[in-house]
Amino acid sequence: MIKEIIIKLNNEESKYKALEEIHKQLKGNQDYIDSNIILNDDNEGSTDHRVNIYITEDVKQIPKIIL
Protein backbone atom coordinates (compact mmCIF):
# COMPACT_ATOMS: atom_id res chain seq x y z
CA MET A 1 0.00 0.00 0.00
CA ILE A 2 1.37 3.41 -0.89
CA LYS A 3 -1.30 5.74 0.48
CA GLU A 4 -3.98 5.71 3.12
CA ILE A 5 -6.44 8.59 3.15
CA ILE A 6 -8.69 9.01 6.19
CA ILE A 7 -11.67 11.36 6.10
CA LYS A 8 -13.20 12.11 9.50
CA LEU A 9 -16.84 13.15 9.54
CA ASN A 10 -19.24 14.45 12.20
CA ASN A 11 -21.92 11.76 12.10
CA GLU A 12 -23.06 8.51 10.51
CA GLU A 13 -25.24 10.24 7.92
CA SER A 14 -22.40 12.39 6.59
CA LYS A 15 -20.13 9.33 6.54
CA TYR A 16 -22.54 7.43 4.28
CA LYS A 17 -23.01 10.47 2.03
CA ALA A 18 -19.24 10.76 1.63
CA LEU A 19 -18.94 7.02 0.90
CA GLU A 20 -21.65 7.29 -1.75
CA GLU A 21 -20.12 10.38 -3.39
CA ILE A 22 -16.63 8.89 -3.52
CA HIS A 23 -17.98 5.58 -4.83
CA LYS A 24 -19.84 7.41 -7.63
CA GLN A 25 -16.59 9.12 -8.66
CA LEU A 26 -14.53 5.92 -8.59
CA LYS A 27 -17.14 3.66 -10.23
CA GLY A 28 -15.83 2.60 -13.63
CA ASN A 29 -12.20 3.34 -12.72
CA GLN A 30 -10.19 0.21 -13.59
CA ASP A 31 -7.95 0.57 -10.53
CA TYR A 32 -11.08 0.67 -8.33
CA ILE A 33 -12.51 -2.38 -10.13
CA ASP A 34 -9.18 -4.23 -9.68
CA SER A 35 -9.05 -3.30 -5.96
CA ASN A 36 -5.95 -1.17 -6.36
CA ILE A 37 -8.11 1.54 -4.78
CA ILE A 38 -10.17 0.41 -1.80
CA LEU A 39 -12.95 2.45 -0.20
CA ASN A 40 -14.40 1.44 3.17
CA ASP A 41 -15.71 2.46 6.57
CA ASP A 42 -14.30 -0.35 8.67
CA ASN A 43 -15.42 1.32 11.89
CA GLU A 44 -19.14 0.51 11.75
CA GLY A 45 -20.85 0.96 15.10
CA SER A 46 -18.07 3.23 16.32
CA THR A 47 -18.48 6.87 17.28
CA ASP A 48 -15.46 7.53 15.06
CA HIS A 49 -17.13 8.36 11.72
CA ARG A 50 -14.37 7.71 9.17
CA VAL A 51 -14.11 6.93 5.49
CA ASN A 52 -10.90 5.18 4.46
CA ILE A 53 -9.34 5.14 1.00
CA TYR A 54 -6.41 2.81 0.42
CA ILE A 55 -4.27 3.07 -2.71
CA THR A 56 -1.89 0.23 -3.54
CA GLU A 57 1.45 0.38 -5.31
CA ASP A 58 -0.21 -1.24 -8.36
CA VAL A 59 -2.45 1.76 -9.07
CA LYS A 60 -1.89 3.16 -12.56
CA GLN A 61 -3.13 6.70 -11.88
CA ILE A 62 -4.43 8.25 -8.68
CA PRO A 63 -7.77 9.90 -9.49
CA LYS A 64 -8.94 13.27 -8.18
CA ILE A 65 -11.69 12.91 -5.59
CA ILE A 66 -13.98 15.84 -4.83
CA LEU A 67 -16.22 16.10 -1.78
PDB file of N, CA and C in Angstrom:
ATOM      1  N   MET A   1       0.844  -1.171   0.000  1.00  0.00           N
ATOM      2  CA  MET A   1       0.000   0.000   0.000  1.00  0.00           C
ATOM      3  C   MET A   1       0.890   1.234   0.000  1.00  0.00           C
ATOM      4  N   ILE A   2       0.559   2.209  -0.844  1.00  0.00           N
ATOM      5  CA  ILE A   2       1.374   3.408  -0.886  1.00  0.00           C
ATOM      6  C   ILE A   2       0.711   4.603  -0.215  1.00  0.00           C
ATOM      7  N   LYS A   3      -0.607   4.615  -0.147  1.00  0.00           N
ATOM      8  CA  LYS A   3      -1.298   5.739   0.476  1.00  0.00           C
ATOM      9  C   LYS A   3      -2.516   5.253   1.246  1.00  0.00           C
ATOM     10  N   GLU A   4      -2.756   5.919   2.349  1.00  0.00           N
ATOM     11  CA  GLU A   4      -3.982   5.715   3.116  1.00  0.00           C
ATOM     12  C   GLU A   4      -4.549   7.099   3.383  1.00  0.00           C
ATOM     13  N   ILE A   5      -5.771   7.316   2.947  1.00  0.00           N
ATOM     14  CA  ILE A   5      -6.444   8.591   3.152  1.00  0.00           C
ATOM     15  C   ILE A   5      -7.586   8.349   4.122  1.00  0.00           C
ATOM     16  N   ILE A   6      -7.629   9.131   5.183  1.00  0.00           N
ATOM     17  CA  ILE A   6      -8.685   9.010   6.189  1.00  0.00           C
ATOM     18  C   ILE A   6      -9.469  10.312   6.205  1.00  0.00           C
ATOM     19  N   ILE A   7     -10.781  10.195   6.052  1.00  0.00           N
ATOM     20  CA  ILE A   7     -11.671  11.355   6.104  1.00  0.00           C
ATOM     21  C   ILE A   7     -12.523  11.200   7.349  1.00  0.00           C
ATOM     22  N   LYS A   8     -12.424  12.153   8.264  1.00  0.00           N
ATOM     23  CA  LYS A   8     -13.202  12.113   9.505  1.00  0.00           C
ATOM     24  C   LYS A   8     -14.425  13.006   9.343  1.00  0.00           C
ATOM     25  N   LEU A   9     -15.583  12.436   9.700  1.00  0.00           N
ATOM     26  CA  LEU A   9     -16.842  13.155   9.545  1.00  0.00           C
ATOM     27  C   LEU A   9     -17.547  13.289  10.893  1.00  0.00           C
ATOM     28  N   ASN A  10     -18.570  14.136  10.938  1.00  0.00           N
ATOM     29  CA  ASN A  10     -19.241  14.451  12.195  1.00  0.00           C
ATOM     30  C   ASN A  10     -20.251  13.413  12.661  1.00  0.00           C
ATOM     31  N   ASN A  11     -20.879  12.703  11.703  1.00  0.00           N
ATOM     32  CA  ASN A  11     -21.916  11.760  12.101  1.00  0.00           C
ATOM     33  C   ASN A  11     -22.051  10.654  11.057  1.00  0.00           C
ATOM     34  N   GLU A  12     -22.867   9.683  11.374  1.00  0.00           N
ATOM     35  CA  GLU A  12     -23.063   8.513  10.512  1.00  0.00           C
ATOM     36  C   GLU A  12     -23.659   8.896   9.158  1.00  0.00           C
ATOM     37  N   GLU A  13     -24.599   9.816   9.163  1.00  0.00           N
ATOM     38  CA  GLU A  13     -25.243  10.238   7.921  1.00  0.00           C
ATOM     39  C   GLU A  13     -24.227  10.866   6.960  1.00  0.00           C
ATOM     40  N   SER A  14     -23.386  11.752   7.457  1.00  0.00           N
ATOM     41  CA  SER A  14     -22.398  12.387   6.590  1.00  0.00           C
ATOM     42  C   SER A  14     -21.349  11.391   6.123  1.00  0.00           C
ATOM     43  N   LYS A  15     -21.061  10.372   6.945  1.00  0.00           N
ATOM     44  CA  LYS A  15     -20.129   9.328   6.536  1.00  0.00           C
ATOM     45  C   LYS A  15     -20.682   8.575   5.335  1.00  0.00           C
ATOM     46  N   TYR A  16     -21.944   8.181   5.395  1.00  0.00           N
ATOM     47  CA  TYR A  16     -22.537   7.434   4.284  1.00  0.00           C
ATOM     48  C   TYR A  16     -22.691   8.288   3.031  1.00  0.00           C
ATOM     49  N   LYS A  17     -22.956   9.583   3.194  1.00  0.00           N
ATOM     50  CA  LYS A  17     -23.014  10.475   2.033  1.00  0.00           C
ATOM     51  C   LYS A  17     -21.639  10.568   1.373  1.00  0.00           C
ATOM     52  N   ALA A  18     -20.594  10.692   2.169  1.00  0.00           N
ATOM     53  CA  ALA A  18     -19.235  10.762   1.628  1.00  0.00           C
ATOM     54  C   ALA A  18     -18.875   9.460   0.923  1.00  0.00           C
ATOM     55  N   LEU A  19     -19.203   8.319   1.539  1.00  0.00           N
ATOM     56  CA  LEU A  19     -18.944   7.025   0.896  1.00  0.00           C
ATOM     57  C   LEU A  19     -19.630   6.944  -0.456  1.00  0.00           C
ATOM     58  N   GLU A  20     -20.879   7.357  -0.512  1.00  0.00           N
ATOM     59  CA  GLU A  20     -21.647   7.293  -1.753  1.00  0.00           C
ATOM     60  C   GLU A  20     -21.046   8.207  -2.822  1.00  0.00           C
ATOM     61  N   GLU A  21     -20.688   9.427  -2.440  1.00  0.00           N
ATOM     62  CA  GLU A  21     -20.121  10.382  -3.394  1.00  0.00           C
ATOM     63  C   GLU A  21     -18.778   9.903  -3.936  1.00  0.00           C
ATOM     64  N   ILE A  22     -17.935   9.381  -3.072  1.00  0.00           N
ATOM     65  CA  ILE A  22     -16.632   8.888  -3.520  1.00  0.00           C
ATOM     66  C   ILE A  22     -16.815   7.664  -4.406  1.00  0.00           C
ATOM     67  N   HIS A  23     -17.709   6.762  -4.021  1.00  0.00           N
ATOM     68  CA  HIS A  23     -17.977   5.576  -4.832  1.00  0.00           C
ATOM     69  C   HIS A  23     -18.448   5.970  -6.234  1.00  0.00           C
ATOM     70  N   LYS A  24     -19.341   6.957  -6.329  1.00  0.00           N
ATOM     71  CA  LYS A  24     -19.839   7.415  -7.630  1.00  0.00           C
ATOM     72  C   LYS A  24     -18.684   7.900  -8.513  1.00  0.00           C
ATOM     73  N   GLN A  25     -17.712   8.584  -7.895  1.00  0.00           N
ATOM     74  CA  GLN A  25     -16.592   9.120  -8.660  1.00  0.00           C
ATOM     75  C   GLN A  25     -15.621   8.025  -9.100  1.00  0.00           C
ATOM     76  N   LEU A  26     -15.480   6.987  -8.288  1.00  0.00           N
ATOM     77  CA  LEU A  26     -14.532   5.918  -8.587  1.00  0.00           C
ATOM     78  C   LEU A  26     -15.132   4.817  -9.462  1.00  0.00           C
ATOM     79  N   LYS A  27     -16.463   4.701  -9.454  1.00  0.00           N
ATOM     80  CA  LYS A  27     -17.145   3.663 -10.232  1.00  0.00           C
ATOM     81  C   LYS A  27     -16.714   3.750 -11.689  1.00  0.00           C
ATOM     82  N   GLY A  28     -16.295   2.631 -12.252  1.00  0.00           N
ATOM     83  CA  GLY A  28     -15.835   2.604 -13.625  1.00  0.00           C
ATOM     84  C   GLY A  28     -14.328   2.765 -13.758  1.00  0.00           C
ATOM     85  N   ASN A  29     -13.664   3.216 -12.706  1.00  0.00           N
ATOM     86  CA  ASN A  29     -12.201   3.344 -12.719  1.00  0.00           C
ATOM     87  C   ASN A  29     -11.593   1.943 -12.610  1.00  0.00           C
ATOM     88  N   GLN A  30     -10.741   1.569 -13.556  1.00  0.00           N
ATOM     89  CA  GLN A  30     -10.195   0.212 -13.592  1.00  0.00           C
ATOM     90  C   GLN A  30      -9.403  -0.132 -12.331  1.00  0.00           C
ATOM     91  N   ASP A  31      -8.682   0.828 -11.765  1.00  0.00           N
ATOM     92  CA  ASP A  31      -7.948   0.572 -10.525  1.00  0.00           C
ATOM     93  C   ASP A  31      -8.905   0.273  -9.366  1.00  0.00           C
ATOM     94  N   TYR A  32     -10.059   0.924  -9.345  1.00  0.00           N
ATOM     95  CA  TYR A  32     -11.078   0.667  -8.329  1.00  0.00           C
ATOM     96  C   TYR A  32     -11.680  -0.726  -8.547  1.00  0.00           C
ATOM     97  N   ILE A  33     -11.959  -1.060  -9.791  1.00  0.00           N
ATOM     98  CA  ILE A  33     -12.505  -2.379 -10.128  1.00  0.00           C
ATOM     99  C   ILE A  33     -11.518  -3.483  -9.741  1.00  0.00           C
ATOM    100  N   ASP A  34     -10.223  -3.240  -9.975  1.00  0.00           N
ATOM    101  CA  ASP A  34      -9.180  -4.225  -9.683  1.00  0.00           C
ATOM    102  C   ASP A  34      -8.726  -4.220  -8.228  1.00  0.00           C
ATOM    103  N   SER A  35      -9.369  -3.437  -7.386  1.00  0.00           N
ATOM    104  CA  SER A  35      -9.049  -3.305  -5.956  1.00  0.00           C
ATOM    105  C   SER A  35      -7.650  -2.743  -5.700  1.00  0.00           C
ATOM    106  N   ASN A  36      -7.166  -1.930  -6.619  1.00  0.00           N
ATOM    107  CA  ASN A  36      -5.951  -1.167  -6.361  1.00  0.00           C
ATOM    108  C   ASN A  36      -6.283   0.107  -5.593  1.00  0.00           C
ATOM    109  N   ILE A  37      -7.564   0.476  -5.617  1.00  0.00           N
ATOM    110  CA  ILE A  37      -8.106   1.543  -4.781  1.00  0.00           C
ATOM    111  C   ILE A  37      -9.241   0.918  -3.987  1.00  0.00           C
ATOM    112  N   ILE A  38      -9.165   1.034  -2.672  1.00  0.00           N
ATOM    113  CA  ILE A  38     -10.166   0.409  -1.801  1.00  0.00           C
ATOM    114  C   ILE A  38     -10.832   1.503  -0.968  1.00  0.00           C
ATOM    115  N   LEU A  39     -12.147   1.491  -0.947  1.00  0.00           N
ATOM    116  CA  LEU A  39     -12.951   2.446  -0.197  1.00  0.00           C
ATOM    117  C   LEU A  39     -13.713   1.677   0.871  1.00  0.00           C
ATOM    118  N   ASN A  40     -13.601   2.107   2.130  1.00  0.00           N
ATOM    119  CA  ASN A  40     -14.396   1.436   3.166  1.00  0.00           C
ATOM    120  C   ASN A  40     -14.618   2.323   4.377  1.00  0.00           C
ATOM    121  N   ASP A  41     -15.439   1.816   5.275  1.00  0.00           N
ATOM    122  CA  ASP A  41     -15.708   2.461   6.566  1.00  0.00           C
ATOM    123  C   ASP A  41     -15.630   1.386   7.636  1.00  0.00           C
ATOM    124  N   ASP A  42     -14.479   0.815   7.812  1.00  0.00           N
ATOM    125  CA  ASP A  42     -14.299  -0.354   8.666  1.00  0.00           C
ATOM    126  C   ASP A  42     -14.553  -0.107  10.150  1.00  0.00           C
ATOM    127  N   ASN A  43     -15.173   0.990  10.482  1.00  0.00           N
ATOM    128  CA  ASN A  43     -15.417   1.324  11.885  1.00  0.00           C
ATOM    129  C   ASN A  43     -16.910   1.374  12.206  1.00  0.00           C
ATOM    130  N   GLU A  44     -17.690   0.527  11.552  1.00  0.00           N
ATOM    131  CA  GLU A  44     -19.142   0.505  11.750  1.00  0.00           C
ATOM    132  C   GLU A  44     -19.484   0.298  13.218  1.00  0.00           C
ATOM    133  N   GLY A  45     -20.435   1.065  13.709  1.00  0.00           N
ATOM    134  CA  GLY A  45     -20.850   0.961  15.095  1.00  0.00           C
ATOM    135  C   GLY A  45     -20.013   1.809  16.032  1.00  0.00           C
ATOM    136  N   SER A  46     -18.965   2.400  15.521  1.00  0.00           N
ATOM    137  CA  SER A  46     -18.073   3.233  16.324  1.00  0.00           C
ATOM    138  C   SER A  46     -18.575   4.668  16.313  1.00  0.00           C
ATOM    139  N   THR A  47     -18.153   5.448  17.278  1.00  0.00           N
ATOM    140  CA  THR A  47     -18.477   6.874  17.279  1.00  0.00           C
ATOM    141  C   THR A  47     -17.464   7.650  16.448  1.00  0.00           C
ATOM    142  N   ASP A  48     -16.476   6.952  15.918  1.00  0.00           N
ATOM    143  CA  ASP A  48     -15.458   7.533  15.060  1.00  0.00           C
ATOM    144  C   ASP A  48     -15.924   7.388  13.611  1.00  0.00           C
ATOM    145  N   HIS A  49     -16.506   8.413  13.046  1.00  0.00           N
ATOM    146  CA  HIS A  49     -17.128   8.362  11.715  1.00  0.00           C
ATOM    147  C   HIS A  49     -16.063   8.644  10.658  1.00  0.00           C
ATOM    148  N   ARG A  50     -15.469   7.573  10.122  1.00  0.00           N
ATOM    149  CA  ARG A  50     -14.366   7.706   9.172  1.00  0.00           C
ATOM    150  C   ARG A  50     -14.657   6.990   7.865  1.00  0.00           C
ATOM    151  N   VAL A  51     -14.141   7.569   6.802  1.00  0.00           N
ATOM    152  CA  VAL A  51     -14.112   6.931   5.490  1.00  0.00           C
ATOM    153  C   VAL A  51     -12.641   6.720   5.169  1.00  0.00           C
ATOM    154  N   ASN A  52     -12.294   5.507   4.766  1.00  0.00           N
ATOM    155  CA  ASN A  52     -10.904   5.180   4.461  1.00  0.00           C
ATOM    156  C   ASN A  52     -10.759   4.900   2.966  1.00  0.00           C
ATOM    157  N   ILE A  53      -9.686   5.434   2.394  1.00  0.00           N
ATOM    158  CA  ILE A  53      -9.339   5.144   1.005  1.00  0.00           C
ATOM    159  C   ILE A  53      -7.908   4.619   1.019  1.00  0.00           C
ATOM    160  N   TYR A  54      -7.727   3.418   0.492  1.00  0.00           N
ATOM    161  CA  TYR A  54      -6.405   2.810   0.419  1.00  0.00           C
ATOM    162  C   TYR A  54      -6.002   2.717  -1.044  1.00  0.00           C
ATOM    163  N   ILE A  55      -4.780   3.102  -1.338  1.00  0.00           N
ATOM    164  CA  ILE A  55      -4.267   3.070  -2.707  1.00  0.00           C
ATOM    165  C   ILE A  55      -3.006   2.211  -2.707  1.00  0.00           C
ATOM    166  N   THR A  56      -3.019   1.157  -3.516  1.00  0.00           N
ATOM    167  CA  THR A  56      -1.890   0.228  -3.542  1.00  0.00           C
ATOM    168  C   THR A  56      -0.800   0.707  -4.498  1.00  0.00           C
ATOM    169  N   GLU A  57       0.336   0.043  -4.425  1.00  0.00           N
ATOM    170  CA  GLU A  57       1.454   0.381  -5.313  1.00  0.00           C
ATOM    171  C   GLU A  57       1.169  -0.004  -6.767  1.00  0.00           C
ATOM    172  N   ASP A  58       0.143  -0.810  -7.006  1.00  0.00           N
ATOM    173  CA  ASP A  58      -0.208  -1.237  -8.362  1.00  0.00           C
ATOM    174  C   ASP A  58      -1.112  -0.256  -9.103  1.00  0.00           C
ATOM    175  N   VAL A  59      -1.550   0.802  -8.434  1.00  0.00           N
ATOM    176  CA  VAL A  59      -2.452   1.763  -9.073  1.00  0.00           C
ATOM    177  C   VAL A  59      -1.747   2.427 -10.259  1.00  0.00           C
ATOM    178  N   LYS A  60      -2.473   2.574 -11.355  1.00  0.00           N
ATOM    179  CA  LYS A  60      -1.892   3.157 -12.564  1.00  0.00           C
ATOM    180  C   LYS A  60      -1.916   4.685 -12.528  1.00  0.00           C
ATOM    181  N   GLN A  61      -3.013   5.244 -11.999  1.00  0.00           N
ATOM    182  CA  GLN A  61      -3.129   6.699 -11.877  1.00  0.00           C
ATOM    183  C   GLN A  61      -4.059   7.014 -10.711  1.00  0.00           C
ATOM    184  N   ILE A  62      -3.609   7.881  -9.822  1.00  0.00           N
ATOM    185  CA  ILE A  62      -4.431   8.249  -8.676  1.00  0.00           C
ATOM    186  C   ILE A  62      -5.454   9.292  -9.146  1.00  0.00           C
ATOM    187  N   PRO A  63      -6.751   8.972  -9.010  1.00  0.00           N
ATOM    188  CA  PRO A  63      -7.770   9.904  -9.494  1.00  0.00           C
ATOM    189  C   PRO A  63      -7.992  11.057  -8.519  1.00  0.00           C
ATOM    190  N   LYS A  64      -8.533  12.157  -9.029  1.00  0.00           N
ATOM    191  CA  LYS A  64      -8.945  13.272  -8.179  1.00  0.00           C
ATOM    192  C   LYS A  64     -10.283  12.894  -7.572  1.00  0.00           C
ATOM    193  N   ILE A  65     -10.434  13.186  -6.298  1.00  0.00           N
ATOM    194  CA  ILE A  65     -11.694  12.914  -5.594  1.00  0.00           C
ATOM    195  C   ILE A  65     -12.175  14.230  -5.010  1.00  0.00           C
ATOM    196  N   ILE A  66     -13.411  14.582  -5.294  1.00  0.00           N
ATOM    197  CA  ILE A  66     -13.978  15.840  -4.830  1.00  0.00           C
ATOM    198  C   ILE A  66     -15.126  15.552  -3.883  1.00  0.00           C
ATOM    199  N   LEU A  67     -15.111  16.224  -2.736  1.00  0.00           N
ATOM    200  CA  LEU A  67     -16.222  16.104  -1.777  1.00  0.00           C
ATOM    201  C   LEU A  67     -16.938  17.424  -1.657  1.00  0.00           C
TER     202      LEU A  67
END
